Amino acid sequence: MCATFTVDDEGKPVVNTNGKEIGVVQDVDAGVAYVEPGAEMTDSIKS
């Protein structure tokens, strides 16, 4: 199941499967969320 994103999601945190915040939704356009990655995101990908 895919999430449906709206402008209400802008500014919300993005978390990984461990619940750690890895970014923030900066913009939503046509149901697509664009995320500003946090510094923690690269650490999360490496793990």
PDB file of N, CA and C in Angstrom:
ATOM      1  N   MET A   1       0.839  -1.174   0.000  1.00  0.00           N
ATOM      2  CA  MET A   1       0.000   0.000   0.000  1.00  0.00           C
ATOM      3  C   MET A   1       0.890   1.245   0.000  1.00  0.00           C
ATOM      4  N   CYS A   2       0.602   2.185  -0.854  1.00  0.00           N
ATOM      5  CA  CYS A   2       1.361   3.427  -0.945  1.00  0.00           C
ATOM      6  C   CYS A   2       0.629   4.540  -0.203  1.00  0.00           C
ATOM      7  N   ALA A   3       1.406   5.404   0.409  1.00  0.00           N
ATOM      8  CA  ALA A   3       0.828   6.552   1.096  1.00  0.00           C
ATOM      9  C   ALA A   3       0.411   7.605   0.082  1.00  0.00           C
ATOM     10  N   THR A   4      -0.626   8.355   0.416  1.00  0.00           N
ATOM     11  CA  THR A   4      -1.046   9.497  -0.386  1.00  0.00           C
ATOM     12  C   THR A   4      -0.616  10.749   0.369  1.00  0.00           C
ATOM     13  N   PHE A   5       0.266  11.528  -0.234  1.00  0.00           N
ATOM     14  CA  PHE A   5       0.785  12.718   0.420  1.00  0.00           C
ATOM     15  C   PHE A   5      -0.001  13.950  -0.002  1.00  0.00           C
ATOM     16  N   THR A   6      -0.185  14.875   0.943  1.00  0.00           N
ATOM     17  CA  THR A   6      -0.860  16.146   0.690  1.00  0.00           C
ATOM     18  C   THR A   6      -0.004  17.268   1.275  1.00  0.00           C
ATOM     19  N   VAL A   7      -0.401  18.497   1.021  1.00  0.00           N
ATOM     20  CA  VAL A   7       0.337  19.641   1.565  1.00  0.00           C
ATOM     21  C   VAL A   7       0.335  19.622   3.092  1.00  0.00           C
ATOM     22  N   ASP A   8      -0.613  18.917   3.705  1.00  0.00           N
ATOM     23  CA  ASP A   8      -0.637  18.805   5.166  1.00  0.00           C
ATOM     24  C   ASP A   8       0.576  18.042   5.695  1.00  0.00           C
ATOM     25  N   ASP A   9       1.239  17.274   4.836  1.00  0.00           N
ATOM     26  CA  ASP A   9       2.412  16.503   5.244  1.00  0.00           C
ATOM     27  C   ASP A   9       3.697  17.320   5.235  1.00  0.00           C
ATOM     28  N   GLU A  10       3.686  18.495   4.623  1.00  0.00           N
ATOM     29  CA  GLU A  10       4.879  19.339   4.586  1.00  0.00           C
ATOM     30  C   GLU A  10       5.298  19.702   6.006  1.00  0.00           C
ATOM     31  N   GLY A  11       6.592  19.575   6.270  1.00  0.00           N
ATOM     32  CA  GLY A  11       7.131  19.892   7.588  1.00  0.00           C
ATOM     33  C   GLY A  11       7.145  18.714   8.545  1.00  0.00           C
ATOM     34  N   LYS A  12       6.554  17.602   8.146  1.00  0.00           N
ATOM     35  CA  LYS A  12       6.525  16.427   9.017  1.00  0.00           C
ATOM     36  C   LYS A  12       7.843  15.668   8.919  1.00  0.00           C
ATOM     37  N   PRO A  13       8.227  15.028  10.017  1.00  0.00           N
ATOM     38  CA  PRO A  13       9.467  14.251   9.988  1.00  0.00           C
ATOM     39  C   PRO A  13       9.314  12.966   9.183  1.00  0.00           C
ATOM     40  N   VAL A  14      10.431  12.515   8.635  1.00  0.00           N
ATOM     41  CA  VAL A  14      10.502  11.222   7.947  1.00  0.00           C
ATOM     42  C   VAL A  14      11.374  10.334   8.823  1.00  0.00           C
ATOM     43  N   VAL A  15      10.879   9.145   9.147  1.00  0.00           N
ATOM     44  CA  VAL A  15      11.616   8.247  10.029  1.00  0.00           C
ATOM     45  C   VAL A  15      11.943   6.936   9.319  1.00  0.00           C
ATOM     46  N   ASN A  16      13.008   6.286   9.774  1.00  0.00           N
ATOM     47  CA  ASN A  16      13.369   4.986   9.208  1.00  0.00           C
ATOM     48  C   ASN A  16      12.614   3.889   9.961  1.00  0.00           C
ATOM     49  N   THR A  17      12.895   2.639   9.647  1.00  0.00           N
ATOM     50  CA  THR A  17      12.165   1.532  10.271  1.00  0.00           C
ATOM     51  C   THR A  17      12.449   1.399  11.756  1.00  0.00           C
ATOM     52  N   ASN A  18      13.518   2.017  12.227  1.00  0.00           N
ATOM     53  CA  ASN A  18      13.844   2.001  13.658  1.00  0.00           C
ATOM     54  C   ASN A  18      13.221   3.170  14.407  1.00  0.00           C
ATOM     55  N   GLY A  19      12.508   4.045  13.686  1.00  0.00           N
ATOM     56  CA  GLY A  19      11.874   5.195  14.306  1.00  0.00           C
ATOM     57  C   GLY A  19      12.769   6.410  14.431  1.00  0.00           C
ATOM     58  N   LYS A  20      13.967   6.346  13.851  1.00  0.00           N
ATOM     59  CA  LYS A  20      14.891   7.480  13.923  1.00  0.00           C
ATOM     60  C   LYS A  20      14.580   8.471  12.809  1.00  0.00           C
ATOM     61  N   GLU A  21      14.511   9.759  13.169  1.00  0.00           N
ATOM     62  CA  GLU A  21      14.223  10.790  12.171  1.00  0.00           C
ATOM     63  C   GLU A  21      15.405  10.944  11.223  1.00  0.00           C
ATOM     64  N   ILE A  22      15.115  10.871   9.908  1.00  0.00           N
ATOM     65  CA  ILE A  22      16.182  10.966   8.905  1.00  0.00           C
ATOM     66  C   ILE A  22      15.964  12.109   7.919  1.00  0.00           C
ATOM     67  N   GLY A  23      14.896  12.876   8.080  1.00  0.00           N
ATOM     68  CA  GLY A  23      14.630  13.987   7.178  1.00  0.00           C
ATOM     69  C   GLY A  23      13.286  14.619   7.471  1.00  0.00           C
ATOM     70  N   VAL A  24      12.926  15.591   6.626  1.00  0.00           N
ATOM     71  CA  VAL A  24      11.669  16.325   6.774  1.00  0.00           C
ATOM     72  C   VAL A  24      11.045  16.498   5.395  1.00  0.00           C
ATOM     73  N   VAL A  25       9.728  16.334   5.315  1.00  0.00           N
ATOM     74  CA  VAL A  25       9.019  16.563   4.055  1.00  0.00           C
ATOM     75  C   VAL A  25       9.047  18.065   3.783  1.00  0.00           C
ATOM     76  N   GLN A  26       9.704  18.463   2.705  1.00  0.00           N
ATOM     77  CA  GLN A  26       9.825  19.879   2.358  1.00  0.00           C
ATOM     78  C   GLN A  26       8.712  20.350   1.440  1.00  0.00           C
ATOM     79  N   ASP A  27       8.258  19.477   0.537  1.00  0.00           N
ATOM     80  CA  ASP A  27       7.266  19.881  -0.454  1.00  0.00           C
ATOM     81  C   ASP A  27       6.482  18.657  -0.884  1.00  0.00           C
ATOM     82  N   VAL A  28       5.228  18.875  -1.282  1.00  0.00           N
ATOM     83  CA  VAL A  28       4.399  17.819  -1.857  1.00  0.00           C
ATOM     84  C   VAL A  28       3.819  18.361  -3.150  1.00  0.00           C
ATOM     85  N   ASP A  29       4.010  17.603  -4.238  1.00  0.00           N
ATOM     86  CA  ASP A  29       3.508  18.013  -5.547  1.00  0.00           C
ATOM     87  C   ASP A  29       2.889  16.800  -6.227  1.00  0.00           C
ATOM     88  N   ALA A  30       1.614  16.893  -6.535  1.00  0.00           N
ATOM     89  CA  ALA A  30       0.881  15.814  -7.217  1.00  0.00           C
ATOM     90  C   ALA A  30       0.999  14.491  -6.466  1.00  0.00           C
ATOM     91  N   GLY A  31       0.944  14.556  -5.140  1.00  0.00           N
ATOM     92  CA  GLY A  31       0.989  13.347  -4.333  1.00  0.00           C
ATOM     93  C   GLY A  31       2.373  12.796  -4.070  1.00  0.00           C
ATOM     94  N   VAL A  32       3.415  13.482  -4.559  1.00  0.00           N
ATOM     95  CA  VAL A  32       4.800  13.044  -4.355  1.00  0.00           C
ATOM     96  C   VAL A  32       5.433  13.915  -3.276  1.00  0.00           C
ATOM     97  N   ALA A  33       6.012  13.264  -2.263  1.00  0.00           N
ATOM     98  CA  ALA A  33       6.678  13.990  -1.183  1.00  0.00           C
ATOM     99  C   ALA A  33       8.153  14.160  -1.517  1.00  0.00           C
ATOM    100  N   TYR A  34       8.647  15.374  -1.359  1.00  0.00           N
ATOM    101  CA  TYR A  34      10.061  15.672  -1.560  1.00  0.00           C
ATOM    102  C   TYR A  34      10.675  15.905  -0.187  1.00  0.00           C
ATOM    103  N   VAL A  35      11.722  15.143   0.113  1.00  0.00           N
ATOM    104  CA  VAL A  35      12.293  15.122   1.457  1.00  0.00           C
ATOM    105  C   VAL A  35      13.637  15.827   1.498  1.00  0.00           C
ATOM    106  N   GLU A  36      13.817  16.664   2.509  1.00  0.00           N
ATOM    107  CA  GLU A  36      15.114  17.270   2.808  1.00  0.00           C
ATOM    108  C   GLU A  36      15.798  16.316   3.783  1.00  0.00           C
ATOM    109  N   PRO A  37      16.848  15.633   3.338  1.00  0.00           N
ATOM    110  CA  PRO A  37      17.484  14.655   4.221  1.00  0.00           C
ATOM    111  C   PRO A  37      18.224  15.323   5.369  1.00  0.00           C
ATOM    112  N   GLY A  38      18.171  14.684   6.520  1.00  0.00           N
ATOM    113  CA  GLY A  38      18.926  15.147   7.666  1.00  0.00           C
ATOM    114  C   GLY A  38      20.309  14.532   7.655  1.00  0.00           C
ATOM    115  N   ALA A  39      21.187  15.023   8.502  1.00  0.00           N
ATOM    116  CA  ALA A  39      22.546  14.493   8.578  1.00  0.00           C
ATOM    117  C   ALA A  39      22.536  13.019   8.963  1.00  0.00           C
ATOM    118  N   GLU A  40      21.504  12.601   9.699  1.00  0.00           N
ATOM    119  CA  GLU A  40      21.403  11.221  10.154  1.00  0.00           C
ATOM    120  C   GLU A  40      21.096  10.255   9.014  1.00  0.00           C
ATOM    121  N   MET A  41      20.603  10.771   7.893  1.00  0.00           N
ATOM    122  CA  MET A  41      20.183   9.891   6.805  1.00  0.00           C
ATOM    123  C   MET A  41      21.348   9.073   6.256  1.00  0.00           C
ATOM    124  N   THR A  42      22.493   9.684   6.067  1.00  0.00           N
ATOM    125  CA  THR A  42      23.624   8.932   5.525  1.00  0.00           C
ATOM    126  C   THR A  42      24.089   7.869   6.510  1.00  0.00           C
ATOM    127  N   ASP A  43      24.033   8.161   7.786  1.00  0.00           N
ATOM    128  CA  ASP A  43      24.397   7.164   8.793  1.00  0.00           C
ATOM    129  C   ASP A  43      23.423   5.999   8.759  1.00  0.00           C
ATOM    130  N   SER A  44      22.156   6.297   8.542  1.00  0.00           N
ATOM    131  CA  SER A  44      21.125   5.260   8.499  1.00  0.00           C
ATOM    132  C   SER A  44      21.317   4.344   7.298  1.00  0.00           C
ATOM    133  N   ILE A  45      21.712   4.916   6.167  1.00  0.00           N
ATOM    134  CA  ILE A  45      21.909   4.125   4.953  1.00  0.00           C
ATOM    135  C   ILE A  45      23.140   3.232   5.096  1.00  0.00           C
ATOM    136  N   LYS A  46      24.179   3.741   5.744  1.00  0.00           N
ATOM    137  CA  LYS A  46      25.408   2.972   5.923  1.00  0.00           C
ATOM    138  C   LYS A  46      25.212   1.781   6.853  1.00  0.00           C
ATOM    139  N   SER A  47      24.289   1.901   7.799  1.00  0.00           N
ATOM    140  CA  SER A  47      24.085   0.850   8.815  1.00  0.00           C
ATOM    141  C   SER A  47      23.507  -0.405   8.249  1.00  0.00           C
TER     142      SER A  47
END
